């Protein structure tokens, strides 16, 4: 599998650049680099196979297999739960540095696997929240280790392409995961969680071939409690002595707040508002296998399938973008990427037209490919050699803050500005309709449509015109642009780059 991956990337690079000499850089990476990328590919396959569907699973009607939670409840679960996932690596990175990467990966995959398999047995808000946090612990143990492995197996001469490859593997898994789980989603959401659990279990096999890069066992003498204490000492050391680094992390948190709407808000927005019949008709005519297996059964494409185009764009174009920005300074690439990314995300939430949405997602993906890999690369380059995992753990701090804030935006903010179910309930109450269906069911919307003497699509269009749910783009665009402007000021005034 490792040889196949290397050959695939070499061939793809040659096709895109037309220069085989540029593939020589790929020969500079050790075997551990490729093993780590393969593990990341499988882990992301499992994660996004469920996560891309998670927002709609939480909020869809119970008659559609969802849990019928409100957007606000969804925001709490996805924001706080995912935020914890990205905060813990600050500590787990230090634990991995002391106990060993391989042991921690084994422990992480054990938690990860069991969490996925027990997920379908919980349907209350508290229960789902608890099991999601348990899942987040497993993911948090995993994350800093693989990033640190990539950092330790690259240097200044090849880190840009190395992290570009790493990010391409992330998005290959992010693309393949939903494509697999969506194929079986109609059977039950239970199958989605079981597939993800099975995928994570494959990493137990890959772990047999993983060799820790630059592992030093001489310092592994502290107790677990002492390691936790030392982790917080290290955290305070970084916070108190590396002001520029901490300021950088706070600025980048704004980017992640905007970026996470791809998973928190966009699938729900598409499900509620976007007319994807044009795309369905295209696939039905030219690729009926896709329309048969990735549609809702009502002449519309599944919203998660559409959102997954972001990962597809990155798989196809990441090597090209990495080659283009390889010689760019990381902060310059990040600032440019943040601006483009913000424009793209704002555009995705502006129209009911699915073709416009696909173009907007491409713009979003270009910005993502320029900026996001450079964040990890930048931290990997400035991190002290003996604290790679610790600094890589810190790289998740802005993602933690961004997830918490993204939960607020996609939760209460979305519910007030853009939630179709809330608008339907408000309409029914204002008209004095007696609706017998539980609001947690999709049938509720259909019954309101019947009372209004409208079809489902007609009521959707009516609410679109009445409430302007697309205005949420202003909030999300504003967050991203402020982050880009702050990073530009940081680059020129704090780092003092001309």
Protein backbone atom coordinates (compact mmCIF):
# COMPACT_ATOMS: atom_id res chain seq x y z
CA UNK A 1 0.00 0.00 0.00
CA UNK A 2 2.88 2.37 0.81
CA UNK A 3 4.55 1.72 -2.55
CA UNK A 4 1.25 2.30 -4.34
CA UNK A 5 0.76 5.63 -2.56
CA UNK A 6 4.26 6.81 -3.47
CA UNK A 7 3.83 5.84 -7.13
CA UNK A 8 0.39 7.47 -7.22
CA UNK A 9 1.73 10.78 -5.93
CA UNK A 10 4.72 10.70 -8.30
CA UNK A 11 2.44 10.05 -11.30
CA UNK A 12 -0.02 12.74 -10.20
CA UNK A 13 2.79 15.24 -9.69
CA UNK A 14 4.19 14.50 -13.15
CA UNK A 15 0.77 14.89 -14.80
CA UNK A 16 0.17 18.22 -13.09
CA UNK A 17 3.66 19.76 -13.46
CA UNK A 18 4.99 18.02 -16.56
CA UNK A 19 8.40 17.82 -14.88
CA UNK A 20 9.55 14.50 -13.51
CA UNK A 21 12.59 16.13 -11.91
CA UNK A 22 10.32 17.70 -9.29
CA UNK A 23 9.36 14.22 -8.12
CA UNK A 24 12.91 13.71 -6.79
CA UNK A 25 11.91 15.50 -3.60
CA UNK A 26 9.56 12.62 -2.81
CA UNK A 27 12.55 10.31 -2.54
CA UNK A 28 13.89 12.31 0.40
CA UNK A 29 11.16 11.10 2.77
CA UNK A 30 11.82 8.06 4.99
CA UNK A 31 9.51 5.03 5.23
CA UNK A 32 7.99 6.29 8.49
CA UNK A 33 6.73 9.38 6.67
CA UNK A 34 4.69 7.20 4.30
CA UNK A 35 3.42 4.91 7.07
CA UNK A 36 2.23 7.95 9.03
CA UNK A 37 0.46 9.34 5.96
CA UNK A 38 -1.29 6.00 5.40
CA UNK A 39 -2.46 5.90 9.03
CA UNK A 40 -3.72 9.47 8.65
CA UNK A 41 -5.56 8.52 5.46
CA UNK A 42 -7.41 5.66 7.17
CA UNK A 43 -8.17 7.70 10.31
CA UNK A 44 -9.57 10.61 8.30
CA UNK A 45 -11.58 8.14 6.20
CA UNK A 46 -13.24 6.90 9.40
CA UNK A 47 -13.67 10.36 10.96
CA UNK A 48 -15.18 12.18 8.00
CA UNK A 49 -17.26 9.17 7.09
CA UNK A 50 -19.31 10.03 10.15
CA UNK A 51 -18.50 13.72 10.75
CA UNK A 52 -19.68 14.97 7.35
CA UNK A 53 -23.07 13.43 8.17
CA UNK A 54 -23.08 14.41 11.85
CA UNK A 55 -24.80 17.84 11.64
CA UNK A 56 -27.74 16.45 9.68
CA UNK A 57 -27.85 13.34 11.86
CA UNK A 58 -28.31 15.56 14.91
CA UNK A 59 -30.92 17.88 13.35
CA UNK A 60 -32.84 15.79 10.79
CA UNK A 61 -36.32 14.61 11.73
CA UNK A 62 -36.64 11.42 13.72
CA UNK A 63 -38.81 10.06 10.91
CA UNK A 64 -35.73 10.42 8.65
CA UNK A 65 -33.36 8.56 10.99
CA UNK A 66 -32.04 11.70 12.68
CA UNK A 67 -32.33 12.80 16.30
CA UNK A 68 -34.48 15.90 15.77
CA UNK A 69 -32.25 18.19 17.87
CA UNK A 70 -32.45 21.95 17.45
CA UNK A 71 -29.68 23.88 15.69
CA UNK A 72 -28.67 25.27 19.07
CA UNK A 73 -28.31 21.77 20.53
CA UNK A 74 -26.31 20.75 17.49
CA UNK A 75 -24.05 23.77 18.04
CA UNK A 76 -23.41 22.79 21.65
CA UNK A 77 -22.52 19.19 20.81
CA UNK A 78 -20.39 19.88 17.76
CA UNK A 79 -18.84 23.08 19.11
CA UNK A 80 -17.93 22.01 22.65
CA UNK A 81 -17.31 18.35 21.80
CA UNK A 82 -15.08 19.02 18.82
CA UNK A 83 -13.46 21.88 20.71
CA UNK A 84 -12.40 19.47 23.47
CA UNK A 85 -11.00 17.18 20.79
CA UNK A 86 -8.67 19.98 19.69
CA UNK A 87 -7.78 21.24 23.16
CA UNK A 88 -6.58 17.96 24.60
CA UNK A 89 -3.65 17.55 22.15
CA UNK A 90 -1.91 20.33 24.08
CA UNK A 91 -1.64 17.79 26.90
CA UNK A 92 -1.61 14.53 24.93
CA UNK A 93 1.31 15.80 22.85
CA UNK A 94 3.45 15.95 25.98
CA UNK A 95 2.24 12.52 27.08
CA UNK A 96 3.19 11.10 23.69
CA UNK A 97 6.66 12.65 23.90
CA UNK A 98 7.21 10.84 27.22
CA UNK A 99 5.40 7.51 26.84
CA UNK A 100 6.05 6.95 23.17
CA UNK A 101 4.09 7.55 20.01
CA UNK A 102 3.32 3.92 19.27
CA UNK A 103 1.86 3.14 22.70
CA UNK A 104 -0.35 6.22 22.59
CA UNK A 105 -1.57 5.36 19.10
CA UNK A 106 -2.58 1.91 20.31
CA UNK A 107 -4.53 3.43 23.21
CA UNK A 108 -6.11 6.06 20.95
CA UNK A 109 -7.36 3.50 18.44
CA UNK A 110 -8.86 1.43 21.26
CA UNK A 111 -10.98 4.37 22.46
CA UNK A 112 -11.76 5.46 18.93
CA UNK A 113 -13.06 2.05 17.84
CA UNK A 114 -15.26 1.41 20.88
CA UNK A 115 -16.72 4.93 20.71
CA UNK A 116 -17.94 4.45 17.16
CA UNK A 117 -19.51 1.08 17.93
CA UNK A 118 -21.47 2.33 20.97
CA UNK A 119 -22.60 5.62 19.38
CA UNK A 120 -25.89 4.28 17.88
CA UNK A 121 -27.14 3.27 21.35
CA UNK A 122 -27.51 6.90 22.50
CA UNK A 123 -30.25 9.26 21.33
CA UNK A 124 -30.73 11.77 24.16
CA UNK A 125 -28.93 15.11 24.17
CA UNK A 126 -26.89 14.25 27.27
CA UNK A 127 -26.09 10.74 26.05
CA UNK A 128 -24.96 11.84 22.60
CA UNK A 129 -22.93 14.66 24.13
CA UNK A 130 -21.16 12.23 26.49
CA UNK A 131 -20.29 9.60 23.91
CA UNK A 132 -19.09 12.27 21.49
CA UNK A 133 -16.69 13.60 24.12
CA UNK A 134 -15.46 10.02 24.67
CA UNK A 135 -14.85 9.77 20.92
CA UNK A 136 -13.07 13.13 21.03
CA UNK A 137 -10.62 11.82 23.65
CA UNK A 138 -9.54 9.05 21.28
CA UNK A 139 -9.07 11.52 18.43
CA UNK A 140 -7.17 13.92 20.70
CA UNK A 141 -4.69 11.22 21.65
CA UNK A 142 -4.08 10.52 17.96
CA UNK A 143 -3.78 13.99 16.44
CA UNK A 144 -0.49 15.47 17.71
CA UNK A 145 1.39 12.21 17.18
CA UNK A 146 0.93 11.97 13.43
CA UNK A 147 1.55 15.69 12.93
CA UNK A 148 4.75 15.43 14.98
CA UNK A 149 5.81 12.38 12.97
CA UNK A 150 5.47 14.35 9.74
CA UNK A 151 7.40 17.26 11.29
CA UNK A 152 10.20 14.94 12.45
CA UNK A 153 10.53 13.25 9.07
CA UNK A 154 10.75 16.50 7.07
CA UNK A 155 13.05 19.52 7.10
CA UNK A 156 13.18 23.02 5.64
CA UNK A 157 14.04 21.68 2.18
CA UNK A 158 11.00 19.41 1.83
CA UNK A 159 8.51 20.35 4.57
CA UNK A 160 6.25 22.40 2.28
CA UNK A 161 5.67 19.52 -0.13
CA UNK A 162 5.68 17.05 2.78
CA UNK A 163 2.84 18.80 4.56
CA UNK A 164 1.11 19.27 1.21
CA UNK A 165 1.18 15.49 0.75
CA UNK A 166 -0.02 15.04 4.31
CA UNK A 167 -2.91 17.42 3.69
CA UNK A 168 -3.74 15.64 0.45
CA UNK A 169 -3.97 12.37 2.39
CA UNK A 170 -6.25 14.08 4.91
CA UNK A 171 -8.57 15.16 2.14
CA UNK A 172 -8.40 11.84 0.30
CA UNK A 173 -9.71 10.22 3.47
CA UNK A 174 -12.17 13.07 3.93
CA UNK A 175 -13.53 12.43 0.44
CA UNK A 176 -13.64 8.62 0.51
CA UNK A 177 -15.17 8.37 4.00
CA UNK A 178 -18.50 10.07 3.22
CA UNK A 179 -18.68 8.40 -0.18
CA UNK A 180 -18.64 5.03 1.57
CA UNK A 181 -20.95 5.84 4.46
CA UNK A 182 -23.44 7.77 2.30
CA UNK A 183 -23.72 4.69 0.10
CA UNK A 184 -25.14 2.78 3.09
CA UNK A 185 -26.86 5.64 4.94
CA UNK A 186 -30.31 4.73 3.65
CA UNK A 187 -30.08 1.45 5.54
CA UNK A 188 -29.49 3.16 8.89
CA UNK A 189 -27.24 5.70 10.54
CA UNK A 190 -26.11 2.78 12.71
CA UNK A 191 -24.26 1.44 9.67
CA UNK A 192 -22.42 4.75 9.34
CA UNK A 193 -20.94 4.46 12.83
CA UNK A 194 -20.10 0.78 12.36
CA UNK A 195 -18.25 1.48 9.12
CA UNK A 196 -16.19 4.21 10.79
CA UNK A 197 -15.38 1.90 13.69
CA UNK A 198 -14.25 -0.80 11.28
CA UNK A 199 -12.02 1.63 9.40
CA UNK A 200 -10.28 2.77 12.59
CA UNK A 201 -9.64 -0.87 13.46
CA UNK A 202 -7.54 -1.20 10.29
CA UNK A 203 -4.94 1.07 11.86
CA UNK A 204 -4.12 -1.63 14.41
CA UNK A 205 -2.56 -3.52 11.50
CA UNK A 206 -0.72 -0.48 10.11
CA UNK A 207 0.64 0.23 13.57
CA UNK A 208 2.74 -2.95 13.29
CA UNK A 209 4.86 -1.20 10.64
CA UNK A 210 5.14 2.16 12.38
CA UNK A 211 8.58 3.11 13.71
CA UNK A 212 8.90 6.09 15.99
CA UNK A 213 11.11 8.82 14.48
CA UNK A 214 13.97 9.89 16.70
CA UNK A 215 12.55 8.16 19.77
CA UNK A 216 14.57 8.64 22.99
CA UNK A 217 13.52 6.43 25.91
CA UNK A 218 16.03 7.88 28.37
CA UNK A 219 13.63 10.55 29.63
CA UNK A 220 10.71 8.24 30.18
CA UNK A 221 10.97 8.16 33.99
CA UNK A 222 8.17 10.42 35.22
CA UNK A 223 4.87 9.11 36.58
CA UNK A 224 1.63 9.85 34.75
CA UNK A 225 0.71 12.55 37.28
CA UNK A 226 4.13 14.14 36.94
CA UNK A 227 3.79 14.09 33.16
CA UNK A 228 0.44 15.91 33.37
CA UNK A 229 1.96 18.45 35.74
CA UNK A 230 4.95 18.90 33.46
CA UNK A 231 2.59 19.30 30.50
CA UNK A 232 0.92 22.28 32.19
CA UNK A 233 4.35 23.68 33.11
CA UNK A 234 5.32 23.41 29.45
CA UNK A 235 2.07 25.07 28.45
CA UNK A 236 2.73 27.96 30.81
CA UNK A 237 6.31 28.21 29.54
CA UNK A 238 5.11 28.57 25.96
CA UNK A 239 2.37 31.04 26.93
CA UNK A 240 4.63 33.21 29.08
CA UNK A 241 7.75 33.15 26.89
CA UNK A 242 6.45 32.93 23.35
CA UNK A 243 4.01 35.83 23.03
CA UNK A 244 4.32 36.00 19.23
CA UNK A 245 3.38 32.34 18.91
CA UNK A 246 0.34 32.70 21.16
CA UNK A 247 -0.81 35.81 19.28
CA UNK A 248 -0.49 33.88 16.03
CA UNK A 249 -2.68 31.09 17.44
CA UNK A 250 -5.40 33.52 18.54
CA UNK A 251 -5.52 35.10 15.07
CA UNK A 252 -5.72 31.72 13.36
CA UNK A 253 -8.70 30.84 15.61
CA UNK A 254 -10.75 33.28 13.56
CA UNK A 255 -9.91 31.37 10.39
CA UNK A 256 -11.03 28.07 11.94
CA UNK A 257 -14.29 29.62 13.14
CA UNK A 258 -15.09 30.52 9.54
CA UNK A 259 -13.68 27.31 8.05
CA UNK A 260 -15.62 24.94 10.32
CA UNK A 261 -18.90 26.14 8.87
CA UNK A 262 -18.11 23.70 6.06
CA UNK A 263 -19.10 20.91 8.47
CA UNK A 264 -21.28 22.67 11.02
CA UNK A 265 -23.50 24.83 8.81
CA UNK A 266 -23.15 24.07 5.09
CA UNK A 267 -24.64 20.52 5.08
CA UNK A 268 -27.66 21.80 7.00
CA UNK A 269 -28.00 24.88 4.77
CA UNK A 270 -27.92 22.72 1.64
CA UNK A 271 -30.40 20.25 3.12
CA UNK A 272 -32.81 23.02 4.07
CA UNK A 273 -32.50 25.55 1.25
CA UNK A 274 -30.55 24.50 -1.86
CA UNK A 275 -32.36 23.08 -4.90
CA UNK A 276 -29.99 20.37 -6.16
CA UNK A 277 -32.35 18.94 -8.80
CA UNK A 278 -30.14 20.29 -11.61
CA UNK A 279 -27.21 18.28 -10.32
CA UNK A 280 -29.42 15.24 -9.82
CA UNK A 281 -30.67 15.44 -13.40
CA UNK A 282 -27.09 15.67 -14.69
CA UNK A 283 -26.02 12.54 -12.84
CA UNK A 284 -29.24 10.72 -13.73
CA UNK A 285 -28.52 11.34 -17.41
CA UNK A 286 -24.77 10.69 -17.47
CA UNK A 287 -23.87 8.78 -14.29
CA UNK A 288 -27.02 7.03 -13.02
CA UNK A 289 -25.05 5.04 -10.45
CA UNK A 290 -24.35 8.29 -8.58
CA UNK A 291 -27.91 9.61 -8.79
CA UNK A 292 -29.25 6.23 -7.69
CA UNK A 293 -27.00 5.93 -4.64
CA UNK A 294 -26.28 9.49 -3.52
CA UNK A 295 -29.68 11.14 -3.84
CA UNK A 296 -32.48 11.66 -1.34
CA UNK A 297 -34.96 9.70 -3.43
CA UNK A 298 -36.94 12.87 -4.20
CA UNK A 299 -34.92 14.18 -7.16
CA UNK A 300 -32.34 15.93 -4.97
CA UNK A 301 -28.72 15.01 -4.18
CA UNK A 302 -27.69 14.30 -0.60
CA UNK A 303 -26.31 17.46 0.98
CA UNK A 304 -23.23 15.66 2.33
CA UNK A 305 -22.42 14.41 -1.17
CA UNK A 306 -22.41 18.01 -2.42
CA UNK A 307 -20.32 19.24 0.52
CA UNK A 308 -17.82 16.48 -0.24
CA UNK A 309 -16.81 18.27 -3.45
CA UNK A 310 -14.46 20.34 -1.27
CA UNK A 311 -12.35 17.26 -0.53
CA UNK A 312 -12.50 16.21 -4.20
CA UNK A 313 -11.16 19.58 -5.32
CA UNK A 314 -8.29 19.29 -2.86
CA UNK A 315 -7.37 15.75 -3.95
CA UNK A 316 -7.14 16.94 -7.57
CA UNK A 317 -5.44 20.30 -7.04
CA UNK A 318 -3.45 20.12 -3.76
CA UNK A 319 -0.17 19.08 -5.38
CA UNK A 320 -0.43 21.96 -7.86
CA UNK A 321 -1.23 24.53 -5.17
CA UNK A 322 1.54 23.21 -2.89
CA UNK A 323 4.01 23.52 -5.77
CA UNK A 324 2.85 27.09 -6.47
CA UNK A 325 3.16 28.28 -2.86
CA UNK A 326 6.19 26.11 -2.00
CA UNK A 327 8.51 29.13 -2.07
CA UNK A 328 6.03 31.53 -0.52
CA UNK A 329 6.58 32.60 3.04
CA UNK A 330 4.08 30.71 5.24
CA UNK A 331 2.42 33.84 6.64
CA UNK A 332 1.96 35.32 3.14
CA UNK A 333 0.38 32.10 1.88
CA UNK A 334 -1.85 31.93 4.95
CA UNK A 335 -3.11 35.51 4.62
CA UNK A 336 -3.90 35.07 0.93
CA UNK A 337 -5.56 31.73 1.62
CA UNK A 338 -7.68 33.17 4.44
CA UNK A 339 -9.07 35.90 2.17
CA UNK A 340 -9.93 33.51 -0.67
CA UNK A 341 -11.33 30.96 1.77
CA UNK A 342 -13.60 33.56 3.38
CA UNK A 343 -14.96 34.68 0.01
CA UNK A 344 -15.68 31.08 -0.96
CA UNK A 345 -17.45 30.19 2.28
CA UNK A 346 -19.59 33.33 2.12
CA UNK A 347 -20.60 32.47 -1.45
CA UNK A 348 -21.67 28.93 -0.51
CA UNK A 349 -24.30 30.37 1.83
CA UNK A 350 -25.64 32.99 -0.56
CA UNK A 351 -27.71 31.15 -3.15
CA UNK A 352 -30.18 28.30 -3.64
CA UNK A 353 -28.52 27.50 -6.97
CA UNK A 354 -26.45 24.31 -6.69
CA UNK A 355 -24.14 25.19 -9.62
CA UNK A 356 -23.28 28.52 -7.99
CA UNK A 357 -22.61 26.56 -4.80
CA UNK A 358 -20.18 24.18 -6.53
CA UNK A 359 -18.22 27.12 -7.98
CA UNK A 360 -18.16 28.78 -4.56
CA UNK A 361 -16.84 25.57 -3.00
CA UNK A 362 -13.99 25.54 -5.51
CA UNK A 363 -13.05 29.09 -4.49
CA UNK A 364 -13.22 27.96 -0.85
CA UNK A 365 -11.02 24.95 -1.59
CA UNK A 366 -8.34 27.05 -3.32
CA UNK A 367 -8.04 29.25 -0.24
CA UNK A 368 -8.02 26.20 2.00
CA UNK A 369 -5.20 24.57 0.00
CA UNK A 370 -3.12 27.74 0.17
CA UNK A 371 -3.55 28.52 3.84
CA UNK A 372 -4.34 25.49 5.93
CA UNK A 373 -1.25 23.30 5.26
CA UNK A 374 0.95 26.32 5.84
CA UNK A 375 -0.33 26.65 9.42
CA UNK A 376 1.01 23.23 10.36
CA UNK A 377 4.19 23.76 8.33
CA UNK A 378 4.88 27.10 10.03
CA UNK A 379 4.49 25.66 13.52
CA UNK A 380 6.59 22.62 12.59
CA UNK A 381 9.41 24.88 11.41
CA UNK A 382 9.47 27.18 14.46
CA UNK A 383 9.05 24.41 17.05
CA UNK A 384 12.14 23.42 19.08
CA UNK A 385 13.39 19.98 18.02
CA UNK A 386 12.88 18.46 21.47
CA UNK A 387 9.32 19.79 21.77
CA UNK A 388 7.85 18.96 18.36
CA UNK A 389 4.80 17.12 19.73
CA UNK A 390 4.19 19.84 22.34
CA UNK A 391 4.17 22.60 19.73
CA UNK A 392 2.14 20.47 17.34
CA UNK A 393 -0.30 20.02 20.22
CA UNK A 394 -0.44 23.82 20.51
CA UNK A 395 -1.30 23.99 16.81
CA UNK A 396 -4.72 22.67 17.79
CA UNK A 397 -5.45 25.53 20.22
CA UNK A 398 -6.86 27.82 17.49
CA UNK A 399 -8.84 24.86 16.13
CA UNK A 400 -10.25 24.35 19.65
CA UNK A 401 -11.30 28.00 19.92
CA UNK A 402 -12.56 27.97 16.34
CA UNK A 403 -14.75 24.93 16.96
CA UNK A 404 -16.31 26.41 20.09
CA UNK A 405 -17.08 29.68 18.29
CA UNK A 406 -18.22 27.79 15.19
CA UNK A 407 -20.70 25.96 17.40
CA UNK A 408 -22.17 29.29 18.45
CA UNK A 409 -22.41 30.53 14.85
CA UNK A 410 -23.91 27.30 13.53
CA UNK A 411 -26.09 26.92 16.60
CA UNK A 412 -27.98 29.87 18.03
CA UNK A 413 -26.89 32.31 15.29
CA UNK A 414 -27.97 29.97 12.50
CA UNK A 415 -31.17 29.10 14.33
CA UNK A 416 -32.14 32.77 14.53
CA UNK A 417 -31.02 33.81 11.05
CA UNK A 418 -31.40 30.77 8.82
CA UNK A 419 -33.13 27.71 10.32
CA UNK A 420 -36.00 26.56 8.13
CA UNK A 421 -37.65 24.48 10.85
CA UNK A 422 -37.75 27.48 13.20
CA UNK A 423 -39.29 29.61 10.44
CA UNK A 424 -41.95 26.95 9.76
CA UNK A 425 -42.86 26.76 13.46
CA UNK A 426 -43.04 30.57 13.63
CA UNK A 427 -45.24 30.65 10.52
CA UNK A 428 -47.61 28.00 11.88
CA UNK A 429 -47.97 29.89 15.17
CA UNK A 430 -48.54 33.23 13.47
CA UNK A 431 -51.26 31.72 11.26
CA UNK A 432 -52.87 29.88 14.14
CA UNK A 433 -52.47 26.49 12.43
CA UNK A 434 -53.18 23.41 14.51
CA UNK A 435 -50.30 21.06 13.64
CA UNK A 436 -50.57 17.55 15.03
CA UNK A 437 -47.09 16.37 14.00
CA UNK A 438 -44.08 16.48 16.34
CA UNK A 439 -41.81 19.39 15.27
CA UNK A 440 -38.89 16.95 15.50
CA UNK A 441 -40.26 15.16 12.44
CA UNK A 442 -39.91 16.25 8.83
CA UNK A 443 -43.64 15.63 8.47
CA UNK A 444 -44.20 18.82 10.47
CA UNK A 445 -42.88 20.93 7.59
CA UNK A 446 -45.01 18.99 5.11
CA UNK A 447 -48.12 19.58 7.22
CA UNK A 448 -47.42 23.33 7.39
CA UNK A 449 -46.96 23.33 3.61
CA UNK A 450 -50.32 21.63 3.25
CA UNK A 451 -51.98 24.23 5.46
CA UNK A 452 -50.44 26.95 3.27
CA UNK A 453 -51.67 25.10 0.15
CA UNK A 454 -48.10 24.86 -1.08
CA UNK A 455 -45.71 22.12 -2.07
CA UNK A 456 -42.62 21.54 0.07
CA UNK A 457 -40.43 23.44 -2.40
CA UNK A 458 -42.92 26.31 -2.66
CA UNK A 459 -42.95 26.75 1.11
CA UNK A 460 -39.14 26.63 1.14
CA UNK A 461 -38.99 29.39 -1.48
CA UNK A 462 -41.61 31.42 0.42
CA UNK A 463 -39.60 31.26 3.64
CA UNK A 464 -36.40 32.12 1.71
CA UNK A 465 -38.02 35.31 0.44
CA UNK A 466 -39.57 36.18 3.80
CA UNK A 467 -36.58 35.58 6.09
CA UNK A 468 -33.48 35.94 3.88
CA UNK A 469 -31.57 33.07 5.52
CA UNK A 470 -28.61 33.76 3.23
CA UNK A 471 -27.73 36.78 5.37
CA UNK A 472 -25.65 34.48 7.55
CA UNK A 473 -22.93 34.86 4.90
CA UNK A 474 -22.26 38.34 6.26
CA UNK A 475 -21.43 36.98 9.72
CA UNK A 476 -19.14 34.24 8.44
CA UNK A 477 -17.41 36.43 5.85
CA UNK A 478 -16.79 39.09 8.47
CA UNK A 479 -15.10 36.61 10.81
CA UNK A 480 -12.79 35.32 8.08
CA UNK A 481 -11.79 38.74 6.75
CA UNK A 482 -11.02 40.08 10.23
CA UNK A 483 -8.73 37.07 10.79
CA UNK A 484 -6.97 37.68 7.45
CA UNK A 485 -6.48 41.38 8.22
CA UNK A 486 -5.14 40.60 11.68
CA UNK A 487 -2.69 38.07 10.25
CA UNK A 488 -1.47 40.64 7.72
CA UNK A 489 -0.85 43.16 10.51
CA UNK A 490 0.89 40.43 12.55
CA UNK A 491 3.13 39.63 9.59
CA UNK A 492 4.11 43.27 8.98
CA UNK A 493 4.20 44.73 12.49
CA UNK A 494 5.01 41.83 14.84
CA UNK A 495 7.17 39.60 12.63
CA UNK A 496 8.10 42.71 10.61
CA UNK A 497 8.16 41.00 7.24
CA UNK A 498 8.23 43.32 4.24
